[in-house]
């Protein structure tokens, strides 16, 4: 089960890495603000997952009580908080600084939070893996520009990290009739609806062109519906410690895609950073239990 969970987390990290490219393509085609792209991502991804839950019969037994509504609403609030805060951090600073701050903070919060919940210290192997991965991430992203509002952007990135870390460390058992896949789908829809008041003020209209529709559907399906379903399913087997594998594979995949698609060139430091991240994941697989 641990190996299956790790495989799903690796898949999630790789698929997440395609989200930045898909989002940038969508924004370049439409001129959408980052928060509008996030809303489309949640709404389309939530619709696809909920549609799957409907076809597979998972929605039939969903309880209509305050407990289930609270769990869905809480998931939606955290998803909306994570997405909105991250993209706001990007706008306030830069993509590189927001990504670096968020990834570092999430990995530390998950490691510390899991140790607290389990009442045991992280293993030496896990700490070494984390340090190597963080060093690789710094080398891979480089020295990002700070932007005009560094303090505000850093705070927003930390808020995004806290929201995602809470989602990753949620150990509650699924409610009868409300499994984790259905919770994710309905939570995405709830999060997208929470972002609507903001996105409607900045504009959400898109041209009905095949390229634009394809970019929206790809963003909602691959790095959202499939990736998050794989991530949260993998967490059930590998546990929160294994989540760090997915976290660091995301920027690695995004960087490799930038090289392949946008013909960007990697420096020696970036290549070393990529190798360190890959090496850290091999150590992490043995310490994720």
Protein backbone atom coordinates (compact mmCIF):
# COMPACT_ATOMS: atom_id res chain seq x y z
CA UNK A 1 0.00 0.00 0.00
CA UNK A 2 2.88 2.37 0.82
CA UNK A 3 4.41 1.81 -2.62
CA UNK A 4 1.04 2.37 -4.32
CA UNK A 5 0.59 5.57 -2.34
CA UNK A 6 4.05 6.81 -3.28
CA UNK A 7 3.35 6.09 -6.96
CA UNK A 8 0.17 8.16 -6.79
CA UNK A 9 2.03 11.02 -5.08
CA UNK A 10 4.71 10.96 -7.78
CA UNK A 11 1.96 11.04 -10.43
CA UNK A 12 0.31 13.98 -8.67
CA UNK A 13 3.57 15.96 -8.53
CA UNK A 14 4.30 15.38 -12.21
CA UNK A 15 0.77 16.34 -13.27
CA UNK A 16 0.82 19.43 -11.03
CA UNK A 17 3.89 20.54 -12.92
CA UNK A 18 1.80 20.90 -16.08
CA UNK A 19 -0.57 23.33 -14.36
CA UNK A 20 1.71 26.35 -14.56
CA UNK A 21 2.21 25.94 -18.30
CA UNK A 22 -1.52 25.35 -18.90
CA UNK A 23 -2.44 28.34 -16.74
CA UNK A 24 0.06 30.62 -18.50
CA UNK A 25 -1.22 29.53 -21.91
CA UNK A 26 -4.80 30.19 -20.83
CA UNK A 27 -3.87 33.60 -19.44
CA UNK A 28 -1.98 34.53 -22.62
CA UNK A 29 -4.93 33.50 -24.80
CA UNK A 30 -7.55 35.30 -22.71
CA UNK A 31 -5.86 37.94 -20.55
CA UNK A 32 -7.53 36.46 -17.46
CA UNK A 33 -6.31 37.56 -14.05
CA UNK A 34 -4.56 34.83 -12.01
CA UNK A 35 -7.47 34.55 -9.56
CA UNK A 36 -9.86 33.98 -12.49
CA UNK A 37 -7.62 31.18 -13.75
CA UNK A 38 -7.73 29.68 -10.24
CA UNK A 39 -11.53 29.89 -10.20
CA UNK A 40 -11.80 28.14 -13.57
CA UNK A 41 -9.41 25.49 -12.30
CA UNK A 42 -11.50 24.76 -9.22
CA UNK A 43 -14.86 24.92 -10.97
CA UNK A 44 -13.88 22.75 -13.96
CA UNK A 45 -11.91 20.30 -11.82
CA UNK A 46 -14.75 20.09 -9.31
CA UNK A 47 -17.30 19.52 -12.06
CA UNK A 48 -15.23 16.69 -13.56
CA UNK A 49 -14.64 14.93 -10.24
CA UNK A 50 -18.26 15.37 -9.16
CA UNK A 51 -19.39 14.09 -12.55
CA UNK A 52 -17.26 10.99 -12.04
CA UNK A 53 -18.75 10.57 -8.57
CA UNK A 54 -22.24 10.83 -10.07
CA UNK A 55 -21.59 8.27 -12.83
CA UNK A 56 -19.94 5.84 -10.38
CA UNK A 57 -22.86 6.11 -7.94
CA UNK A 58 -20.84 7.81 -5.20
CA UNK A 59 -23.26 10.73 -4.95
CA UNK A 60 -26.28 8.54 -4.29
CA UNK A 61 -25.53 8.00 -0.61
CA UNK A 62 -24.11 11.43 0.24
CA UNK A 63 -25.66 12.39 3.58
CA UNK A 64 -27.53 15.68 3.67
CA UNK A 65 -26.72 16.72 7.21
CA UNK A 66 -24.78 19.46 8.95
CA UNK A 67 -21.68 17.31 9.45
CA UNK A 68 -21.23 16.53 5.75
CA UNK A 69 -22.04 20.11 4.73
CA UNK A 70 -19.47 21.42 7.22
CA UNK A 71 -16.78 19.07 5.88
CA UNK A 72 -17.45 20.08 2.25
CA UNK A 73 -17.58 23.78 3.16
CA UNK A 74 -14.33 23.52 5.14
CA UNK A 75 -12.60 21.82 2.20
CA UNK A 76 -13.93 24.48 -0.16
CA UNK A 77 -12.71 27.28 2.09
CA UNK A 78 -9.22 25.77 2.31
CA UNK A 79 -9.03 25.18 -1.45
CA UNK A 80 -10.16 28.75 -2.15
CA UNK A 81 -7.75 30.13 0.45
CA UNK A 82 -4.81 28.18 -0.97
CA UNK A 83 -5.50 29.10 -4.59
CA UNK A 84 -6.39 32.76 -4.01
CA UNK A 85 -3.54 33.42 -1.56
CA UNK A 86 -0.95 31.79 -3.81
CA UNK A 87 -1.96 33.71 -6.93
CA UNK A 88 -2.18 36.93 -4.91
CA UNK A 89 1.36 36.25 -3.68
CA UNK A 90 2.49 35.82 -7.29
CA UNK A 91 0.93 39.18 -8.18
CA UNK A 92 2.51 40.90 -5.17
CA UNK A 93 6.01 39.48 -5.67
CA UNK A 94 6.91 37.05 -8.46
CA UNK A 95 6.22 33.49 -9.53
CA UNK A 96 9.64 32.32 -8.35
CA UNK A 97 9.50 33.90 -4.89
CA UNK A 98 5.87 32.84 -4.28
CA UNK A 99 6.62 29.27 -5.34
CA UNK A 100 9.82 29.08 -3.29
CA UNK A 101 8.16 30.50 -0.15
CA UNK A 102 5.07 28.30 -0.46
CA UNK A 103 6.94 25.06 -1.15
CA UNK A 104 9.45 25.57 1.66
CA UNK A 105 6.73 26.54 4.14
CA UNK A 106 4.44 23.62 3.20
CA UNK A 107 7.22 21.05 3.54
CA UNK A 108 8.26 22.41 6.95
CA UNK A 109 4.66 22.68 8.19
CA UNK A 110 3.84 19.12 7.14
CA UNK A 111 7.04 17.74 8.68
CA UNK A 112 6.53 19.61 11.97
CA UNK A 113 2.78 19.05 12.07
CA UNK A 114 3.05 15.34 11.41
CA UNK A 115 5.70 14.98 14.11
CA UNK A 116 3.41 16.77 16.57
CA UNK A 117 0.35 14.67 15.68
CA UNK A 118 2.32 11.40 15.80
CA UNK A 119 4.13 12.47 18.97
CA UNK A 120 7.45 11.33 17.55
CA UNK A 121 10.40 13.07 15.99
CA UNK A 122 11.03 12.84 12.23
CA UNK A 123 13.58 10.19 11.35
CA UNK A 124 17.10 11.27 10.48
CA UNK A 125 16.56 9.98 6.95
CA UNK A 126 13.44 12.15 6.56
CA UNK A 127 15.27 15.26 7.79
CA UNK A 128 18.21 14.63 5.45
CA UNK A 129 15.80 14.13 2.56
CA UNK A 130 14.02 17.39 3.38
CA UNK A 131 17.26 19.39 3.62
CA UNK A 132 18.50 17.99 0.29
CA UNK A 133 15.15 18.73 -1.38
CA UNK A 134 15.05 22.30 -0.04
CA UNK A 135 18.60 22.92 -1.26
CA UNK A 136 17.66 21.51 -4.66
CA UNK A 137 14.56 23.72 -4.81
CA UNK A 138 16.61 26.86 -4.04
CA UNK A 139 19.10 25.96 -6.78
CA UNK A 140 16.35 25.07 -9.25
CA UNK A 141 14.39 28.30 -8.81
CA UNK A 142 17.47 30.45 -8.33
CA UNK A 143 17.29 33.95 -6.84
CA UNK A 144 13.77 35.12 -7.68
CA UNK A 145 12.92 38.80 -7.86
CA UNK A 146 11.15 40.18 -4.82
CA UNK A 147 8.58 42.41 -6.51
CA UNK A 148 7.10 45.61 -5.17
CA UNK A 149 5.31 44.17 -2.13
CA UNK A 150 7.63 41.53 -0.72
CA UNK A 151 6.31 41.48 2.85
CA UNK A 152 2.66 41.22 1.79
CA UNK A 153 3.50 38.62 -0.84
CA UNK A 154 5.45 36.53 1.65
CA UNK A 155 2.54 36.64 4.09
CA UNK A 156 0.13 35.54 1.37
CA UNK A 157 2.45 32.69 0.36
CA UNK A 158 2.61 31.54 3.98
CA UNK A 159 -1.20 31.68 4.17
CA UNK A 160 -1.40 29.53 1.04
CA UNK A 161 1.09 27.09 2.54
CA UNK A 162 -0.91 26.84 5.76
CA UNK A 163 -4.12 26.07 3.87
CA UNK A 164 -2.52 23.33 1.82
CA UNK A 165 -0.70 21.85 4.82
CA UNK A 166 -3.98 21.60 6.77
CA UNK A 167 -5.59 19.78 3.82
CA UNK A 168 -2.64 17.40 3.62
CA UNK A 169 -2.66 16.56 7.33
CA UNK A 170 -6.39 15.92 7.63
CA UNK A 171 -6.66 12.42 9.08
CA UNK A 172 -10.39 12.25 9.64
CA UNK A 173 -12.09 9.13 8.36
CA UNK A 174 -14.56 9.66 5.49
CA UNK A 175 -18.14 10.09 6.63
CA UNK A 176 -20.53 7.25 5.77
CA UNK A 177 -21.68 7.92 2.22
CA UNK A 178 -19.15 10.72 1.67
CA UNK A 179 -15.81 9.33 0.50
CA UNK A 180 -12.70 11.42 -0.10
CA UNK A 181 -13.13 11.63 -3.89
CA UNK A 182 -16.63 13.07 -3.53
CA UNK A 183 -15.39 15.45 -0.83
CA UNK A 184 -12.64 16.72 -3.14
CA UNK A 185 -15.04 17.26 -6.04
CA UNK A 186 -17.67 19.08 -3.99
CA UNK A 187 -14.93 20.97 -2.13
CA UNK A 188 -13.50 22.23 -5.43
CA UNK A 189 -16.94 23.41 -6.50
CA UNK A 190 -17.46 25.15 -3.16
CA UNK A 191 -14.03 26.79 -3.40
CA UNK A 192 -14.69 27.97 -6.95
CA UNK A 193 -18.01 29.47 -5.89
CA UNK A 194 -16.29 31.27 -3.02
CA UNK A 195 -13.88 32.87 -5.51
CA UNK A 196 -16.63 33.97 -7.88
CA UNK A 197 -17.36 37.33 -6.19
CA UNK A 198 -13.70 38.28 -6.71
CA UNK A 199 -13.31 36.87 -10.20
CA UNK A 200 -16.50 38.46 -11.51
CA UNK A 201 -15.10 41.88 -10.62
CA UNK A 202 -11.89 41.27 -12.61
CA UNK A 203 -13.59 39.45 -15.49
CA UNK A 204 -14.08 35.80 -16.40
CA UNK A 205 -15.24 35.95 -20.01
CA UNK A 206 -13.24 33.86 -22.49
CA UNK A 207 -13.47 33.59 -26.28
CA UNK A 208 -15.14 30.41 -27.56
CA UNK A 209 -12.10 29.25 -29.52
CA UNK A 210 -10.95 25.60 -29.62
CA UNK A 211 -7.51 26.46 -28.23
CA UNK A 212 -9.00 28.35 -25.28
CA UNK A 213 -11.61 25.70 -24.49
CA UNK A 214 -8.92 23.03 -24.74
CA UNK A 215 -6.65 24.93 -22.33
CA UNK A 216 -9.49 25.33 -19.81
CA UNK A 217 -10.42 21.64 -20.00
CA UNK A 218 -6.79 20.53 -19.73
CA UNK A 219 -6.24 22.75 -16.69
CA UNK A 220 -9.35 21.40 -15.01
CA UNK A 221 -8.67 17.75 -15.89
CA UNK A 222 -4.96 16.97 -15.74
CA UNK A 223 -3.27 19.16 -13.07
CA UNK A 224 -6.49 19.50 -11.07
CA UNK A 225 -9.02 16.63 -11.20
CA UNK A 226 -6.56 13.80 -11.86
CA UNK A 227 -3.63 15.27 -9.93
CA UNK A 228 -5.52 16.15 -6.75
CA UNK A 229 -7.46 12.87 -6.77
CA UNK A 230 -4.13 11.02 -7.05
CA UNK A 231 -2.59 13.18 -4.33
CA UNK A 232 -5.28 12.72 -1.70
CA UNK A 233 -5.66 9.02 -2.52
CA UNK A 234 -1.90 8.60 -2.21
CA UNK A 235 -1.95 10.35 1.16
CA UNK A 236 -4.30 7.68 2.50
CA UNK A 237 -1.67 5.03 1.82
CA UNK A 238 1.67 6.83 2.21
CA UNK A 239 0.69 9.40 4.85
CA UNK A 240 1.48 13.13 5.03
CA UNK A 241 5.23 12.53 5.13
CA UNK A 242 5.05 11.22 1.58
CA UNK A 243 3.32 14.43 0.45
CA UNK A 244 6.68 16.17 0.19
CA UNK A 245 7.53 13.91 -2.77
CA UNK A 246 4.69 15.46 -4.78
CA UNK A 247 5.50 18.98 -3.60
CA UNK A 248 9.04 18.99 -4.96
CA UNK A 249 8.26 17.10 -8.17
CA UNK A 250 5.89 19.91 -9.20
CA UNK A 251 8.52 22.65 -9.75
CA UNK A 252 10.91 20.07 -11.21
CA UNK A 253 8.34 19.02 -13.81
CA UNK A 254 7.43 22.64 -14.54
CA UNK A 255 11.09 23.47 -15.14
CA UNK A 256 11.58 20.52 -17.49
CA UNK A 257 8.45 21.48 -19.43
CA UNK A 258 9.77 25.03 -19.78
CA UNK A 259 12.92 23.58 -21.32
CA UNK A 260 11.05 21.26 -23.69
CA UNK A 261 8.19 23.57 -24.69
CA UNK A 262 9.59 27.08 -24.31
CA UNK A 263 13.19 26.08 -25.17
CA UNK A 264 14.55 27.63 -22.00
CA UNK A 265 18.09 26.73 -20.95
CA UNK A 266 19.09 25.34 -17.57
CA UNK A 267 22.16 26.62 -15.78
CA UNK A 268 24.60 24.31 -14.03
CA UNK A 269 23.07 25.24 -10.67
CA UNK A 270 19.57 24.40 -11.90
CA UNK A 271 20.70 21.01 -13.19
CA UNK A 272 22.33 20.29 -9.83
CA UNK A 273 19.12 21.38 -8.08
CA UNK A 274 17.04 19.03 -10.23
CA UNK A 275 19.37 16.13 -9.44
CA UNK A 276 19.21 16.90 -5.70
CA UNK A 277 15.39 16.87 -5.78
CA UNK A 278 15.36 13.54 -7.59
CA UNK A 279 17.88 12.13 -5.12
CA UNK A 280 15.84 13.36 -2.16
CA UNK A 281 12.71 11.56 -3.43
CA UNK A 282 14.58 8.24 -3.45
CA UNK A 283 15.50 8.80 0.21
CA UNK A 284 11.98 9.98 1.07
CA UNK A 285 10.38 6.78 -0.30
CA UNK A 286 12.13 4.80 2.42
CA UNK A 287 11.04 7.18 5.18
CA UNK A 288 7.44 8.01 4.22
CA UNK A 289 5.83 5.38 6.41
